[in-house]
Amino acid sequence: MTRALITLLLLPLVAACASRQTEMAEAAQKSLIGLTEDQVLACAGQPDQRLIDGGNRLLVYPRETTRELTVETPARPNPIGMAQPQPTYEYYRVCETTFVLRGGKVVQLRMRGRTETGRPNLDACGATVARCLKLVGG
C-alpha cells in the first residue's frame, strides 16, 4: 500500500483529533472582532506581513503545523521472530490568518487553510488565534 493511500485512509482519524483547533478558528472569526492592533500583537505576536489594502491594515500570519501519527496494526513476526514496528506517518496543515483592521480595530478575520492533500482545514489557524481567544474569554 502506498504512503499516499495510507494517508487518505487515516484522514478521518486525523480530522477527529484536530477538530478542537478548527472550532477555535471558527469561534475566533466572530469573537476577535473589535480587538485593537496592540491586543492582536500581544496575543498573536508579530505578523509575517503588514499590508495596506485601501483603508484597511492587514496583519498576516501564515502557519504550518505537522503531526505524527502511528498506525496501529496487528503485530506480525518477521523472519527472525520479532514483531514488526508500527508504521508512523507525518502530515501537515497550513493556514493563513489575516486580521483586517480599520480605525485601529479588527473588523474581519480571514482564514485560508488546507491539509497536505488539499482538503480545506483551519486547524493551523486555530493554533494562531488560541492565545487571542483566551484574551477575550473564549
N, C-alpha and C. Protein backbone atom coordinates (compact mmCIF):
# COMPACT_ATOMS: atom_id res chain seq x y z
N MET A 1 0.85 -1.16 0.00
CA MET A 1 0.00 0.00 0.00
C MET A 1 0.91 1.24 0.00
N THR A 2 0.59 2.20 -0.81
CA THR A 2 1.44 3.38 -0.89
C THR A 2 1.18 4.32 0.28
N ARG A 3 2.16 5.17 0.52
CA ARG A 3 2.05 6.13 1.61
C ARG A 3 0.86 7.08 1.42
N ALA A 4 0.63 7.51 0.17
CA ALA A 4 -0.49 8.42 -0.10
C ALA A 4 -1.82 7.76 0.22
N LEU A 5 -1.98 6.49 -0.14
CA LEU A 5 -3.22 5.78 0.13
C LEU A 5 -3.44 5.62 1.63
N ILE A 6 -2.38 5.30 2.35
CA ILE A 6 -2.49 5.17 3.80
C ILE A 6 -2.87 6.51 4.42
N THR A 7 -2.26 7.60 3.93
CA THR A 7 -2.60 8.93 4.44
C THR A 7 -4.08 9.22 4.23
N LEU A 8 -4.60 8.89 3.05
CA LEU A 8 -6.02 9.12 2.77
C LEU A 8 -6.91 8.29 3.68
N LEU A 9 -6.51 7.08 3.97
CA LEU A 9 -7.31 6.23 4.85
C LEU A 9 -7.31 6.73 6.29
N LEU A 10 -6.28 7.46 6.65
CA LEU A 10 -6.15 7.94 8.03
C LEU A 10 -6.81 9.30 8.24
N LEU A 11 -7.25 9.96 7.20
CA LEU A 11 -7.83 11.29 7.33
C LEU A 11 -8.97 11.38 8.34
N PRO A 12 -9.89 10.43 8.39
CA PRO A 12 -10.94 10.54 9.41
C PRO A 12 -10.38 10.56 10.84
N LEU A 13 -9.34 9.79 11.10
CA LEU A 13 -8.73 9.81 12.43
C LEU A 13 -8.07 11.15 12.71
N VAL A 14 -7.38 11.66 11.73
CA VAL A 14 -6.70 12.94 11.86
C VAL A 14 -7.72 14.06 12.08
N ALA A 15 -8.80 14.04 11.34
CA ALA A 15 -9.82 15.07 11.47
C ALA A 15 -10.43 15.07 12.86
N ALA A 16 -10.64 13.91 13.42
CA ALA A 16 -11.23 13.82 14.75
C ALA A 16 -10.30 14.41 15.81
N CYS A 17 -9.00 14.19 15.65
CA CYS A 17 -8.03 14.71 16.61
C CYS A 17 -7.90 16.22 16.52
N ALA A 18 -8.09 16.76 15.36
CA ALA A 18 -7.79 18.16 15.13
C ALA A 18 -9.01 19.07 15.23
N SER A 19 -10.18 18.55 15.48
CA SER A 19 -11.38 19.36 15.42
C SER A 19 -11.41 20.49 16.44
N ARG A 20 -10.76 20.35 17.57
CA ARG A 20 -10.73 21.42 18.58
C ARG A 20 -10.07 22.67 18.01
N GLN A 21 -8.98 22.51 17.28
CA GLN A 21 -8.29 23.65 16.66
C GLN A 21 -9.20 24.33 15.64
N THR A 22 -9.93 23.55 14.86
CA THR A 22 -10.85 24.13 13.88
C THR A 22 -11.96 24.89 14.58
N GLU A 23 -12.48 24.33 15.67
CA GLU A 23 -13.53 25.03 16.44
C GLU A 23 -13.02 26.37 16.94
N MET A 24 -11.77 26.41 17.41
CA MET A 24 -11.21 27.67 17.89
C MET A 24 -11.09 28.68 16.76
N ALA A 25 -10.67 28.23 15.58
CA ALA A 25 -10.54 29.13 14.43
C ALA A 25 -11.90 29.70 14.05
N GLU A 26 -12.91 28.86 14.02
CA GLU A 26 -14.26 29.33 13.66
C GLU A 26 -14.80 30.30 14.70
N ALA A 27 -14.57 30.02 15.97
CA ALA A 27 -15.03 30.92 17.04
C ALA A 27 -14.32 32.27 16.96
N ALA A 28 -13.05 32.25 16.61
CA ALA A 28 -12.26 33.48 16.55
C ALA A 28 -12.78 34.45 15.51
N GLN A 29 -13.36 33.93 14.44
CA GLN A 29 -13.83 34.80 13.37
C GLN A 29 -14.92 35.77 13.84
N LYS A 30 -15.59 35.44 14.92
CA LYS A 30 -16.59 36.35 15.49
C LYS A 30 -16.06 37.00 16.78
N SER A 31 -15.42 36.21 17.62
CA SER A 31 -15.02 36.67 18.95
C SER A 31 -13.93 37.73 18.94
N LEU A 32 -13.09 37.74 17.92
CA LEU A 32 -11.94 38.65 17.94
C LEU A 32 -12.22 39.98 17.23
N ILE A 33 -13.42 40.14 16.71
CA ILE A 33 -13.80 41.42 16.10
C ILE A 33 -13.80 42.48 17.19
N GLY A 34 -13.16 43.60 16.92
CA GLY A 34 -13.11 44.70 17.89
C GLY A 34 -11.80 44.79 18.65
N LEU A 35 -10.94 43.75 18.58
CA LEU A 35 -9.64 43.85 19.24
C LEU A 35 -8.84 45.00 18.62
N THR A 36 -8.01 45.63 19.42
CA THR A 36 -7.13 46.66 18.90
C THR A 36 -5.89 46.01 18.29
N GLU A 37 -5.16 46.78 17.50
CA GLU A 37 -3.93 46.26 16.91
C GLU A 37 -2.95 45.84 17.99
N ASP A 38 -2.84 46.64 19.05
CA ASP A 38 -1.93 46.28 20.15
C ASP A 38 -2.33 44.96 20.80
N GLN A 39 -3.62 44.72 20.96
CA GLN A 39 -4.08 43.46 21.54
C GLN A 39 -3.73 42.28 20.62
N VAL A 40 -3.91 42.46 19.32
CA VAL A 40 -3.57 41.39 18.36
C VAL A 40 -2.08 41.09 18.44
N LEU A 41 -1.26 42.12 18.46
CA LEU A 41 0.19 41.91 18.54
C LEU A 41 0.58 41.23 19.85
N ALA A 42 -0.11 41.56 20.93
CA ALA A 42 0.19 40.96 22.22
C ALA A 42 -0.17 39.47 22.25
N CYS A 43 -1.27 39.10 21.62
CA CYS A 43 -1.71 37.70 21.70
C CYS A 43 -1.22 36.84 20.53
N ALA A 44 -1.06 37.40 19.35
CA ALA A 44 -0.64 36.61 18.19
C ALA A 44 0.82 36.81 17.82
N GLY A 45 1.45 37.83 18.40
CA GLY A 45 2.85 38.10 18.09
C GLY A 45 2.99 38.98 16.85
N GLN A 46 4.22 39.11 16.40
CA GLN A 46 4.50 39.93 15.22
C GLN A 46 4.07 39.18 13.96
N PRO A 47 3.35 39.83 13.06
CA PRO A 47 2.93 39.16 11.83
C PRO A 47 4.10 38.99 10.87
N ASP A 48 3.96 38.05 9.96
CA ASP A 48 4.97 37.88 8.91
C ASP A 48 4.88 39.01 7.89
N GLN A 49 3.66 39.55 7.72
CA GLN A 49 3.46 40.65 6.77
C GLN A 49 2.51 41.68 7.36
N ARG A 50 2.77 42.94 7.02
CA ARG A 50 1.87 44.05 7.32
C ARG A 50 1.58 44.71 5.99
N LEU A 51 0.32 44.74 5.61
CA LEU A 51 -0.07 45.28 4.31
C LEU A 51 -1.14 46.34 4.48
N ILE A 52 -1.27 47.18 3.47
CA ILE A 52 -2.34 48.17 3.41
C ILE A 52 -3.20 47.82 2.20
N ASP A 53 -4.50 47.72 2.41
CA ASP A 53 -5.45 47.42 1.33
C ASP A 53 -6.58 48.43 1.42
N GLY A 54 -6.50 49.46 0.58
CA GLY A 54 -7.49 50.54 0.68
C GLY A 54 -7.33 51.22 2.03
N GLY A 55 -8.40 51.31 2.78
CA GLY A 55 -8.35 51.91 4.11
C GLY A 55 -8.09 50.90 5.20
N ASN A 56 -7.78 49.66 4.83
CA ASN A 56 -7.57 48.60 5.83
C ASN A 56 -6.09 48.30 6.02
N ARG A 57 -5.75 47.95 7.24
CA ARG A 57 -4.41 47.47 7.57
C ARG A 57 -4.54 45.97 7.79
N LEU A 58 -3.67 45.20 7.15
CA LEU A 58 -3.72 43.74 7.24
C LEU A 58 -2.50 43.21 8.00
N LEU A 59 -2.76 42.36 8.97
CA LEU A 59 -1.71 41.66 9.70
C LEU A 59 -1.83 40.19 9.32
N VAL A 60 -0.80 39.65 8.66
CA VAL A 60 -0.89 38.31 8.06
C VAL A 60 0.02 37.34 8.82
N TYR A 61 -0.59 36.21 9.23
CA TYR A 61 0.11 35.18 10.00
C TYR A 61 -0.01 33.83 9.29
N PRO A 62 0.98 33.44 8.48
CA PRO A 62 0.95 32.08 7.92
C PRO A 62 1.46 31.10 8.97
N ARG A 63 0.94 29.90 8.94
CA ARG A 63 1.37 28.89 9.92
C ARG A 63 1.28 27.51 9.30
N GLU A 64 2.25 26.69 9.60
CA GLU A 64 2.23 25.29 9.17
C GLU A 64 2.42 24.44 10.42
N THR A 65 1.59 23.44 10.56
CA THR A 65 1.74 22.52 11.68
C THR A 65 1.92 21.11 11.13
N THR A 66 2.66 20.32 11.86
CA THR A 66 2.83 18.91 11.48
C THR A 66 2.50 18.05 12.68
N ARG A 67 2.03 16.89 12.39
CA ARG A 67 1.75 15.90 13.44
C ARG A 67 2.28 14.57 12.98
N GLU A 68 2.56 13.74 13.93
CA GLU A 68 3.00 12.39 13.64
C GLU A 68 1.90 11.45 14.09
N LEU A 69 1.58 10.50 13.26
CA LEU A 69 0.52 9.56 13.55
C LEU A 69 1.07 8.15 13.40
N THR A 70 0.91 7.35 14.44
CA THR A 70 1.33 5.96 14.38
C THR A 70 0.10 5.10 14.13
N VAL A 71 0.20 4.27 13.13
CA VAL A 71 -0.92 3.41 12.75
C VAL A 71 -0.81 2.11 13.52
N GLU A 72 -1.87 1.80 14.25
CA GLU A 72 -1.88 0.54 15.00
C GLU A 72 -2.26 -0.59 14.04
N THR A 73 -1.35 -1.50 13.87
CA THR A 73 -1.61 -2.66 13.02
C THR A 73 -1.32 -3.92 13.83
N PRO A 74 -1.96 -5.02 13.47
CA PRO A 74 -1.67 -6.26 14.20
C PRO A 74 -0.19 -6.61 14.08
N ALA A 75 0.41 -6.97 15.20
CA ALA A 75 1.83 -7.33 15.18
C ALA A 75 2.00 -8.66 14.45
N ARG A 76 2.91 -8.65 13.51
CA ARG A 76 3.23 -9.87 12.78
C ARG A 76 4.72 -10.14 12.95
N PRO A 77 5.07 -11.32 13.33
CA PRO A 77 6.50 -11.59 13.50
C PRO A 77 7.22 -11.56 12.15
N ASN A 78 8.45 -11.08 12.17
CA ASN A 78 9.26 -11.13 10.96
C ASN A 78 10.03 -12.45 10.94
N PRO A 79 10.84 -12.68 9.94
CA PRO A 79 11.52 -13.99 9.84
C PRO A 79 12.36 -14.37 11.05
N ILE A 80 12.81 -13.41 11.83
CA ILE A 80 13.62 -13.78 12.99
C ILE A 80 12.82 -13.77 14.28
N GLY A 81 11.47 -13.66 14.15
CA GLY A 81 10.59 -13.80 15.30
C GLY A 81 10.27 -12.53 16.06
N MET A 82 10.78 -11.40 15.63
CA MET A 82 10.49 -10.15 16.33
C MET A 82 9.30 -9.45 15.66
N ALA A 83 8.51 -8.74 16.46
CA ALA A 83 7.36 -8.02 15.93
C ALA A 83 7.83 -6.87 15.04
N GLN A 84 7.07 -6.60 13.99
CA GLN A 84 7.38 -5.51 13.08
C GLN A 84 7.05 -4.18 13.77
N PRO A 85 7.81 -3.14 13.50
CA PRO A 85 7.48 -1.83 14.09
C PRO A 85 6.19 -1.28 13.48
N GLN A 86 5.49 -0.49 14.28
CA GLN A 86 4.26 0.14 13.81
C GLN A 86 4.63 1.28 12.85
N PRO A 87 3.96 1.37 11.69
CA PRO A 87 4.29 2.45 10.76
C PRO A 87 3.86 3.81 11.31
N THR A 88 4.69 4.80 11.11
CA THR A 88 4.43 6.17 11.56
C THR A 88 4.44 7.09 10.35
N TYR A 89 3.48 8.00 10.31
CA TYR A 89 3.36 8.93 9.20
C TYR A 89 3.28 10.35 9.73
N GLU A 90 3.85 11.27 8.98
CA GLU A 90 3.72 12.68 9.31
C GLU A 90 2.77 13.32 8.31
N TYR A 91 1.99 14.26 8.77
CA TYR A 91 1.13 15.01 7.87
C TYR A 91 1.17 16.46 8.31
N TYR A 92 0.87 17.35 7.39
CA TYR A 92 0.92 18.75 7.74
C TYR A 92 -0.35 19.47 7.32
N ARG A 93 -0.56 20.63 7.93
CA ARG A 93 -1.66 21.52 7.59
C ARG A 93 -1.08 22.92 7.54
N VAL A 94 -1.57 23.72 6.64
CA VAL A 94 -1.15 25.11 6.54
C VAL A 94 -2.38 26.00 6.62
N CYS A 95 -2.19 27.19 7.16
CA CYS A 95 -3.30 28.13 7.24
C CYS A 95 -2.73 29.54 7.32
N GLU A 96 -3.40 30.45 6.64
CA GLU A 96 -3.02 31.85 6.70
C GLU A 96 -4.15 32.62 7.38
N THR A 97 -3.82 33.26 8.49
CA THR A 97 -4.78 34.06 9.24
C THR A 97 -4.46 35.53 8.97
N THR A 98 -5.46 36.28 8.55
CA THR A 98 -5.28 37.71 8.29
C THR A 98 -6.26 38.51 9.13
N PHE A 99 -5.71 39.34 10.01
CA PHE A 99 -6.52 40.27 10.78
C PHE A 99 -6.68 41.53 9.94
N VAL A 100 -7.91 41.90 9.65
CA VAL A 100 -8.20 43.10 8.88
C VAL A 100 -8.60 44.19 9.87
N LEU A 101 -7.82 45.28 9.90
CA LEU A 101 -8.07 46.37 10.84
C LEU A 101 -8.48 47.64 10.10
N ARG A 102 -9.43 48.33 10.67
CA ARG A 102 -9.85 49.64 10.17
C ARG A 102 -10.04 50.52 11.40
N GLY A 103 -9.43 51.68 11.36
CA GLY A 103 -9.52 52.57 12.53
C GLY A 103 -8.84 51.97 13.75
N GLY A 104 -7.84 51.11 13.54
CA GLY A 104 -7.10 50.53 14.66
C GLY A 104 -7.74 49.33 15.33
N LYS A 105 -8.89 48.88 14.79
CA LYS A 105 -9.59 47.72 15.39
C LYS A 105 -9.86 46.65 14.35
N VAL A 106 -9.91 45.41 14.81
CA VAL A 106 -10.21 44.28 13.92
C VAL A 106 -11.66 44.37 13.46
N VAL A 107 -11.84 44.38 12.14
CA VAL A 107 -13.19 44.40 11.58
C VAL A 107 -13.52 43.08 10.88
N GLN A 108 -12.48 42.28 10.61
CA GLN A 108 -12.69 40.99 9.95
C GLN A 108 -11.49 40.11 10.22
N LEU A 109 -11.73 38.81 10.25
CA LEU A 109 -10.67 37.82 10.39
C LEU A 109 -10.81 36.85 9.23
N ARG A 110 -9.82 36.84 8.35
CA ARG A 110 -9.84 35.94 7.17
C ARG A 110 -8.93 34.75 7.44
N MET A 111 -9.41 33.58 7.08
CA MET A 111 -8.61 32.36 7.27
C MET A 111 -8.71 31.49 6.03
N ARG A 112 -7.55 31.06 5.55
CA ARG A 112 -7.49 30.12 4.43
C ARG A 112 -6.57 28.99 4.84
N GLY A 113 -7.11 27.78 4.91
CA GLY A 113 -6.29 26.66 5.35
C GLY A 113 -6.57 25.40 4.56
N ARG A 114 -5.61 24.48 4.61
CA ARG A 114 -5.75 23.20 3.92
C ARG A 114 -4.80 22.16 4.52
N THR A 115 -5.10 20.92 4.21
CA THR A 115 -4.21 19.82 4.60
C THR A 115 -3.26 19.55 3.44
N GLU A 116 -2.33 18.64 3.66
CA GLU A 116 -1.38 18.32 2.60
C GLU A 116 -2.05 17.67 1.40
N THR A 117 -3.24 17.14 1.58
CA THR A 117 -3.97 16.55 0.44
C THR A 117 -4.89 17.56 -0.24
N GLY A 118 -4.89 18.81 0.25
CA GLY A 118 -5.68 19.86 -0.37
C GLY A 118 -7.06 20.06 0.22
N ARG A 119 -7.41 19.26 1.22
CA ARG A 119 -8.72 19.39 1.86
C ARG A 119 -8.76 20.66 2.71
N PRO A 120 -9.82 21.48 2.61
CA PRO A 120 -9.92 22.68 3.44
C PRO A 120 -9.86 22.31 4.92
N ASN A 121 -9.07 23.06 5.68
CA ASN A 121 -8.89 22.75 7.09
C ASN A 121 -8.34 23.99 7.80
N LEU A 122 -8.90 24.34 8.94
CA LEU A 122 -8.48 25.54 9.67
C LEU A 122 -7.68 25.24 10.94
N ASP A 123 -7.21 24.01 11.10
CA ASP A 123 -6.50 23.64 12.32
C ASP A 123 -5.31 24.55 12.62
N ALA A 124 -4.48 24.81 11.63
CA ALA A 124 -3.30 25.65 11.87
C ALA A 124 -3.70 27.07 12.23
N CYS A 125 -4.82 27.56 11.71
CA CYS A 125 -5.31 28.89 12.09
C CYS A 125 -5.76 28.89 13.54
N GLY A 126 -6.35 27.80 13.98
CA GLY A 126 -6.76 27.70 15.38
C GLY A 126 -5.57 27.86 16.31
N ALA A 127 -4.44 27.28 15.92
CA ALA A 127 -3.23 27.43 16.73
C ALA A 127 -2.76 28.88 16.75
N THR A 128 -2.97 29.61 15.67
CA THR A 128 -2.56 31.01 15.60
C THR A 128 -3.38 31.89 16.54
N VAL A 129 -4.68 31.64 16.64
CA VAL A 129 -5.57 32.53 17.40
C VAL A 129 -5.87 32.05 18.81
N ALA A 130 -5.33 30.93 19.23
CA ALA A 130 -5.65 30.36 20.55
C ALA A 130 -5.41 31.35 21.69
N ARG A 131 -4.27 32.02 21.70
CA ARG A 131 -3.98 32.97 22.79
C ARG A 131 -4.91 34.18 22.73
N CYS A 132 -5.30 34.59 21.53
CA CYS A 132 -6.22 35.73 21.41
C CYS A 132 -7.58 35.39 21.96
N LEU A 133 -8.02 34.15 21.76
CA LEU A 133 -9.31 33.74 22.31
C LEU A 133 -9.30 33.78 23.83
N LYS A 134 -8.17 33.41 24.42
CA LYS A 134 -8.07 33.50 25.88
C LYS A 134 -8.19 34.94 26.36
N LEU A 135 -7.66 35.85 25.56
CA LEU A 135 -7.73 37.27 25.90
C LEU A 135 -9.17 37.77 26.00
N VAL A 136 -10.05 37.24 25.13
CA VAL A 136 -11.45 37.68 25.13
C VAL A 136 -12.35 36.72 25.91
N GLY A 137 -11.75 35.75 26.57
CA GLY A 137 -12.53 34.82 27.38
C GLY A 137 -13.14 33.68 26.59
N GLY A 138 -12.58 33.38 25.43
CA GLY A 138 -13.13 32.30 24.57
C GLY A 138 -12.45 30.99 24.77
